[in-house]
Amino acid sequence: MKIGVITDCFKKPLDESIVLASKLGFDGVQIYATTGTFSPEVLTEESKAYYKKLLKDNNLEVSALCGDMGGHGYEIEADNAERVEKTKKIIDLAVEFGAKVVTTHIGVLPDDPRDPKYKVMFNALKECGAYAREHGVTMAIETGPEKASVLHRFIYDIGGPIGKDKNMINDVYGGVGINLDPANFVMVTEQNPIEAVKLLGQYIVHTHVKDGKRLMKIPPKAVYDHFAEGGIEALNVADYFIETPLGEGNVNWKQYIQTLKDLNYQGYLTIERETGADPIADIVKGLKFIKSFL
């Protein structure tokens, strides 16, 4: 397994974050590509060449691009034509930078596939997945508001990537897969991440390494709807859950990493630290912590 880091977590300009990731000993970086410096609309041929050289000079791969559309993801049919086209541009960018994964939150999947919203989301991800598959990229749904069983059924229905064996896909990319974030399961969904890995194994193409604790029960849909409509300020998340430095939350990392090993997962473990007074220090400690299990 390789270890990456999300560049935005350093709270520095992208080029400085790439250099810092290399100095700290990471294998790769995940870059936010929906808006801002690295978005398809902003990048020029000159800036693309600059970042390609910077990554090469610092011996870093792009573990994934973050193509999160924000808001309600792909829940709203009227928004999806524009969102799907933007997603395709991010997939094109991933190909150009040698990344085989684009991660995204898709909104809140209904438990019942007969719910009209399920079909709306299905149609959007089916189109994104088909385009991704044509280009050797996996559109990786980040785990969050739904149980692993709901995600498994959704990707199975779409026709997610199938590898050379029944366990992990690893070297076979394309279509719709999973970016597994164990902390989201722990903090919001009350899904056991170990069981999620076992169930979703063949679809996991990327993982986030983040930790946290659930403090109070709240429906997952309420959490994600608040984020979608007003951002983190719209919900006092400290009342309900807290993101912690790695090893200080409720993710059983020893068992989690071992389960990935048992399934022959060889993709990225990408550190994400969204909060905290000193995220760089937490990332440095987190890198040492995760390496202890490899």
Protein backbone atom coordinates (compact mmCIF):
# COMPACT_ATOMS: atom_id res chain seq x y z
CA MET A 1 0.00 0.00 0.00
CA LYS A 2 1.08 3.57 -0.72
CA ILE A 3 0.50 6.58 1.51
CA GLY A 4 -0.84 9.87 0.23
CA VAL A 5 -2.12 13.15 1.60
CA ILE A 6 -4.80 15.61 0.51
CA THR A 7 -2.93 18.79 -0.42
CA ASP A 8 -5.69 21.11 0.84
CA CYS A 9 -5.12 19.78 4.37
CA PHE A 10 -1.79 21.61 4.59
CA LYS A 11 -3.65 24.95 4.26
CA LYS A 12 -0.95 26.19 1.88
CA PRO A 13 -0.81 27.03 -1.83
CA LEU A 14 -0.85 23.92 -4.01
CA ASP A 15 2.75 24.13 -5.18
CA GLU A 16 4.01 24.56 -1.61
CA SER A 17 1.84 21.64 -0.49
CA ILE A 18 3.29 19.38 -3.18
CA VAL A 19 6.85 20.18 -2.11
CA LEU A 20 5.95 19.68 1.56
CA ALA A 21 4.30 16.31 0.84
CA SER A 22 7.50 15.16 -0.83
CA LYS A 23 9.71 16.36 2.03
CA LEU A 24 7.54 14.48 4.54
CA GLY A 25 7.94 11.25 2.57
CA PHE A 26 4.52 10.73 1.00
CA ASP A 27 4.15 8.63 -2.15
CA GLY A 28 1.36 10.70 -3.65
CA VAL A 29 -1.10 13.55 -3.28
CA GLN A 30 -4.82 13.93 -3.79
CA ILE A 31 -5.72 17.30 -5.32
CA TYR A 32 -9.04 19.15 -5.20
CA ALA A 33 -10.08 19.78 -8.80
CA THR A 34 -13.67 21.01 -8.75
CA THR A 35 -12.89 24.71 -8.32
CA GLY A 36 -9.82 26.85 -7.72
CA THR A 37 -6.20 26.47 -8.77
CA PHE A 38 -6.42 22.94 -10.16
CA SER A 39 -9.86 23.01 -11.75
CA PRO A 40 -10.26 22.34 -15.49
CA GLU A 41 -11.59 25.87 -16.03
CA VAL A 42 -8.56 27.52 -14.45
CA LEU A 43 -5.64 25.35 -15.54
CA THR A 44 -3.82 26.54 -18.65
CA GLU A 45 -1.44 24.42 -20.71
CA GLU A 46 1.40 26.35 -19.08
CA SER A 47 0.15 25.70 -15.54
CA LYS A 48 -0.45 22.03 -16.35
CA ALA A 49 3.16 21.71 -17.49
CA TYR A 50 4.30 23.47 -14.32
CA TYR A 51 2.45 21.07 -12.01
CA LYS A 52 3.48 17.99 -14.01
CA LYS A 53 7.13 19.00 -13.65
CA LEU A 54 6.68 19.85 -9.98
CA LEU A 55 5.15 16.46 -9.25
CA LYS A 56 7.85 14.65 -11.23
CA ASP A 57 10.69 16.60 -9.60
CA ASN A 58 9.26 15.72 -6.19
CA ASN A 59 8.70 12.03 -7.03
CA LEU A 60 4.98 12.19 -6.34
CA GLU A 61 2.02 10.52 -7.99
CA VAL A 62 -1.49 11.92 -8.04
CA SER A 63 -3.31 9.33 -5.94
CA ALA A 64 -6.67 10.77 -6.94
CA LEU A 65 -8.43 13.97 -7.89
CA CYS A 66 -11.26 15.21 -5.71
CA GLY A 67 -14.23 15.92 -7.95
CA ASP A 68 -16.74 16.66 -5.20
CA MET A 69 -19.57 18.76 -6.66
CA GLY A 70 -20.71 19.99 -3.25
CA GLY A 71 -24.30 20.73 -2.32
CA HIS A 72 -26.58 17.72 -2.70
CA GLY A 73 -24.24 15.88 -5.03
CA TYR A 74 -26.28 14.21 -7.78
CA GLU A 75 -29.62 14.18 -5.94
CA ILE A 76 -31.27 16.98 -7.95
CA GLU A 77 -32.13 15.97 -11.49
CA ALA A 78 -32.23 19.54 -12.82
CA ASP A 79 -28.62 20.09 -11.73
CA ASN A 80 -27.17 16.85 -13.04
CA ALA A 81 -26.56 17.65 -16.71
CA GLU A 82 -24.13 20.41 -15.73
CA ARG A 83 -22.59 18.35 -12.93
CA VAL A 84 -22.06 15.30 -15.11
CA GLU A 85 -20.35 17.38 -17.80
CA LYS A 86 -18.07 18.97 -15.19
CA THR A 87 -17.30 15.54 -13.80
CA LYS A 88 -16.25 14.39 -17.26
CA LYS A 89 -13.81 17.30 -17.50
CA ILE A 90 -12.29 16.30 -14.15
CA ILE A 91 -11.97 12.72 -15.40
CA ASP A 92 -10.12 14.06 -18.46
CA LEU A 93 -7.81 15.97 -16.13
CA ALA A 94 -7.18 12.84 -14.09
CA VAL A 95 -6.12 11.00 -17.23
CA GLU A 96 -3.76 13.83 -18.14
CA PHE A 97 -2.08 13.63 -14.73
CA GLY A 98 -1.95 9.84 -14.58
CA ALA A 99 -4.54 9.52 -11.81
CA LYS A 100 -6.84 6.50 -12.01
CA VAL A 101 -9.34 7.72 -9.41
CA VAL A 102 -11.71 10.68 -9.05
CA THR A 103 -13.42 10.80 -5.65
CA THR A 104 -16.74 12.44 -4.89
CA HIS A 105 -19.62 12.64 -2.44
CA ILE A 106 -22.79 11.84 -4.37
CA GLY A 107 -25.42 13.01 -1.86
CA VAL A 108 -27.54 10.77 0.32
CA LEU A 109 -28.63 7.52 -1.30
CA PRO A 110 -32.16 6.41 -0.37
CA ASP A 111 -32.31 3.04 1.38
CA ASP A 112 -35.15 2.02 -0.91
CA PRO A 113 -34.15 1.69 -4.59
CA ARG A 114 -37.78 2.39 -5.52
CA ASP A 115 -37.40 5.95 -4.23
CA PRO A 116 -37.45 8.32 -7.26
CA LYS A 117 -34.26 9.99 -6.04
CA TYR A 118 -32.43 6.67 -6.30
CA LYS A 119 -33.08 6.58 -10.05
CA VAL A 120 -31.95 10.20 -10.46
CA MET A 121 -28.65 9.46 -8.73
CA PHE A 122 -28.31 6.12 -10.52
CA ASN A 123 -28.67 7.72 -13.95
CA ALA A 124 -26.09 10.42 -13.20
CA LEU A 125 -23.49 8.01 -11.78
CA LYS A 126 -24.15 5.51 -14.57
CA GLU A 127 -23.20 8.17 -17.13
CA CYS A 128 -20.17 9.34 -15.15
CA GLY A 129 -19.08 5.75 -14.62
CA ALA A 130 -19.38 4.85 -18.30
CA TYR A 131 -17.25 7.83 -19.26
CA ALA A 132 -14.72 7.03 -16.56
CA ARG A 133 -14.52 3.40 -17.66
CA GLU A 134 -13.76 4.47 -21.25
CA HIS A 135 -10.77 6.40 -19.90
CA GLY A 136 -9.46 3.83 -17.42
CA VAL A 137 -10.59 5.87 -14.42
CA THR A 138 -12.84 4.93 -11.50
CA MET A 139 -15.41 7.38 -10.18
CA ALA A 140 -15.01 6.57 -6.48
CA ILE A 141 -17.97 7.32 -4.22
CA GLU A 142 -16.78 8.45 -0.79
CA THR A 143 -18.45 6.61 2.05
CA GLY A 144 -20.53 8.81 4.30
CA PRO A 145 -24.27 8.92 4.93
CA GLU A 146 -25.33 5.43 3.88
CA LYS A 147 -24.59 1.96 5.18
CA ALA A 148 -22.13 -0.19 3.26
CA SER A 149 -24.93 -2.52 2.12
CA VAL A 150 -26.77 0.37 0.43
CA LEU A 151 -23.61 1.45 -1.42
CA HIS A 152 -22.86 -2.12 -2.43
CA ARG A 153 -26.30 -2.58 -3.99
CA PHE A 154 -26.03 0.78 -5.80
CA ILE A 155 -22.66 0.00 -7.39
CA TYR A 156 -23.67 -3.56 -8.17
CA ASP A 157 -26.76 -2.23 -9.94
CA ILE A 158 -24.65 0.21 -11.96
CA GLY A 159 -22.13 -2.48 -12.81
CA GLY A 160 -19.03 -1.48 -10.91
CA PRO A 161 -15.48 -2.57 -11.75
CA ILE A 162 -14.67 -6.26 -11.41
CA GLY A 163 -11.09 -7.33 -10.95
CA LYS A 164 -9.11 -10.42 -11.72
CA ASP A 165 -10.18 -12.11 -8.50
CA LYS A 166 -13.20 -12.02 -6.26
CA ASN A 167 -11.56 -9.79 -3.66
CA MET A 168 -9.81 -6.56 -4.66
CA ILE A 169 -9.71 -4.88 -8.06
CA ASN A 170 -6.41 -3.02 -7.55
CA ASP A 171 -5.01 -3.10 -11.08
CA VAL A 172 -8.35 -2.93 -12.88
CA TYR A 173 -9.90 0.53 -12.99
CA GLY A 174 -12.97 1.91 -14.66
CA GLY A 175 -16.57 2.67 -13.83
CA VAL A 176 -17.92 3.40 -10.37
CA GLY A 177 -16.13 2.27 -7.21
CA ILE A 178 -15.50 3.24 -3.60
CA ASN A 179 -13.31 5.74 -1.78
CA LEU A 180 -13.58 4.30 1.72
CA ASP A 181 -13.41 6.80 4.58
CA PRO A 182 -13.66 4.84 7.85
CA ALA A 183 -14.10 7.97 9.98
CA ASN A 184 -17.26 8.98 8.14
CA PHE A 185 -18.72 5.60 9.01
CA VAL A 186 -17.68 5.95 12.67
CA MET A 187 -18.73 9.59 13.12
CA VAL A 188 -22.00 9.65 11.21
CA THR A 189 -23.36 6.30 10.09
CA GLU A 190 -22.45 3.94 12.95
CA GLN A 191 -21.23 1.47 10.35
CA ASN A 192 -18.37 -0.79 11.41
CA PRO A 193 -15.54 0.10 8.97
CA ILE A 194 -14.10 -3.41 9.17
CA GLU A 195 -17.36 -4.95 8.05
CA ALA A 196 -17.63 -2.29 5.35
CA VAL A 197 -14.23 -3.24 3.93
CA LYS A 198 -15.24 -6.89 3.85
CA LEU A 199 -18.49 -6.11 2.04
CA LEU A 200 -17.20 -3.46 -0.37
CA GLY A 201 -13.78 -5.04 -0.95
CA GLN A 202 -13.85 -5.56 -4.71
CA TYR A 203 -15.01 -1.97 -5.30
CA ILE A 204 -12.46 -0.13 -3.11
CA VAL A 205 -9.97 1.78 -5.27
CA HIS A 206 -8.91 4.50 -2.82
CA THR A 207 -9.15 5.16 0.91
CA HIS A 208 -9.05 8.19 3.18
CA VAL A 209 -7.16 7.89 6.43
CA LYS A 210 -9.10 9.95 8.95
CA ASP A 211 -10.23 9.34 12.53
CA GLY A 212 -13.08 10.51 14.69
CA LYS A 213 -15.71 9.87 17.34
CA ARG A 214 -19.49 9.99 17.39
CA LEU A 215 -20.75 12.02 20.34
CA MET A 216 -24.51 12.03 19.86
CA LYS A 217 -26.96 10.22 17.60
CA ILE A 218 -28.31 12.20 14.65
CA PRO A 219 -29.78 10.90 11.37
CA PRO A 220 -26.98 10.83 8.76
CA LYS A 221 -29.24 12.52 6.21
CA ALA A 222 -29.70 15.48 8.55
CA VAL A 223 -25.93 15.89 8.83
CA TYR A 224 -25.30 15.82 5.08
CA ASP A 225 -28.31 17.99 4.27
CA HIS A 226 -27.00 20.66 6.63
CA PHE A 227 -23.59 20.53 4.98
CA ALA A 228 -25.17 20.69 1.53
CA GLU A 229 -27.32 23.71 2.29
CA GLY A 230 -25.12 25.77 4.58
CA GLY A 231 -21.71 24.21 4.97
CA ILE A 232 -20.17 23.21 8.24
CA GLU A 233 -21.35 26.46 9.84
CA ALA A 234 -24.97 25.32 9.46
CA LEU A 235 -24.55 22.50 11.96
CA ASN A 236 -22.66 22.56 15.23
CA VAL A 237 -20.93 19.29 14.49
CA ALA A 238 -19.02 19.39 17.77
CA ASP A 239 -22.29 18.45 19.44
CA TYR A 240 -22.62 15.30 17.36
CA PHE A 241 -19.18 14.11 16.28
CA ILE A 242 -15.57 15.17 16.26
CA GLU A 243 -12.72 14.51 13.86
CA THR A 244 -9.59 13.60 15.78
CA PRO A 245 -5.91 13.10 14.99
CA LEU A 246 -5.18 9.57 13.81
CA GLY A 247 -5.19 7.05 16.64
CA GLU A 248 -7.31 9.22 18.93
CA GLY A 249 -10.69 8.31 17.50
CA ASN A 250 -12.76 5.15 17.32
CA VAL A 251 -11.40 3.59 14.14
CA ASN A 252 -9.64 0.32 14.94
CA TRP A 253 -6.66 0.98 12.69
CA LYS A 254 -4.79 -2.25 13.37
CA GLN A 255 -7.78 -4.35 12.38
CA TYR A 256 -8.78 -2.00 9.55
CA ILE A 257 -5.36 -2.11 7.86
CA GLN A 258 -5.10 -5.86 8.40
CA THR A 259 -8.48 -6.37 6.74
CA LEU A 260 -7.30 -4.37 3.72
CA LYS A 261 -4.14 -6.50 3.64
CA ASP A 262 -6.19 -9.69 3.84
CA LEU A 263 -8.08 -8.54 0.74
CA ASN A 264 -4.83 -7.72 -1.04
CA TYR A 265 -5.60 -4.01 -1.26
CA GLN A 266 -2.60 -2.28 -2.78
CA GLY A 267 -3.97 1.20 -3.43
CA TYR A 268 -3.55 4.44 -1.54
CA LEU A 269 -4.09 5.26 2.10
CA THR A 270 -4.56 9.03 1.77
CA ILE A 271 -4.38 11.07 4.97
CA GLU A 272 -7.12 13.66 5.45
CA ARG A 273 -7.08 16.16 8.32
CA GLU A 274 -9.90 18.65 7.93
CA THR A 275 -9.81 20.31 11.37
CA GLY A 276 -7.42 21.00 14.24
CA ALA A 277 -5.22 23.91 15.30
CA ASP A 278 -2.08 22.45 13.71
CA PRO A 279 -3.06 20.13 10.85
CA ILE A 280 0.51 19.81 9.56
CA ALA A 281 1.71 18.47 12.91
CA ASP A 282 -1.24 16.07 12.98
CA ILE A 283 -0.44 14.91 9.45
CA VAL A 284 3.21 14.27 10.37
CA LYS A 285 2.15 12.23 13.40
CA GLY A 286 -0.48 10.48 11.33
CA LEU A 287 2.04 9.41 8.72
CA LYS A 288 4.22 7.79 11.38
CA PHE A 289 1.15 6.20 12.97
CA ILE A 290 -0.09 4.60 9.75
CA LYS A 291 3.35 3.39 8.75
CA SER A 292 3.50 1.41 12.00
CA PHE A 293 0.78 -0.92 10.65
CA LEU A 294 2.31 -1.53 7.23
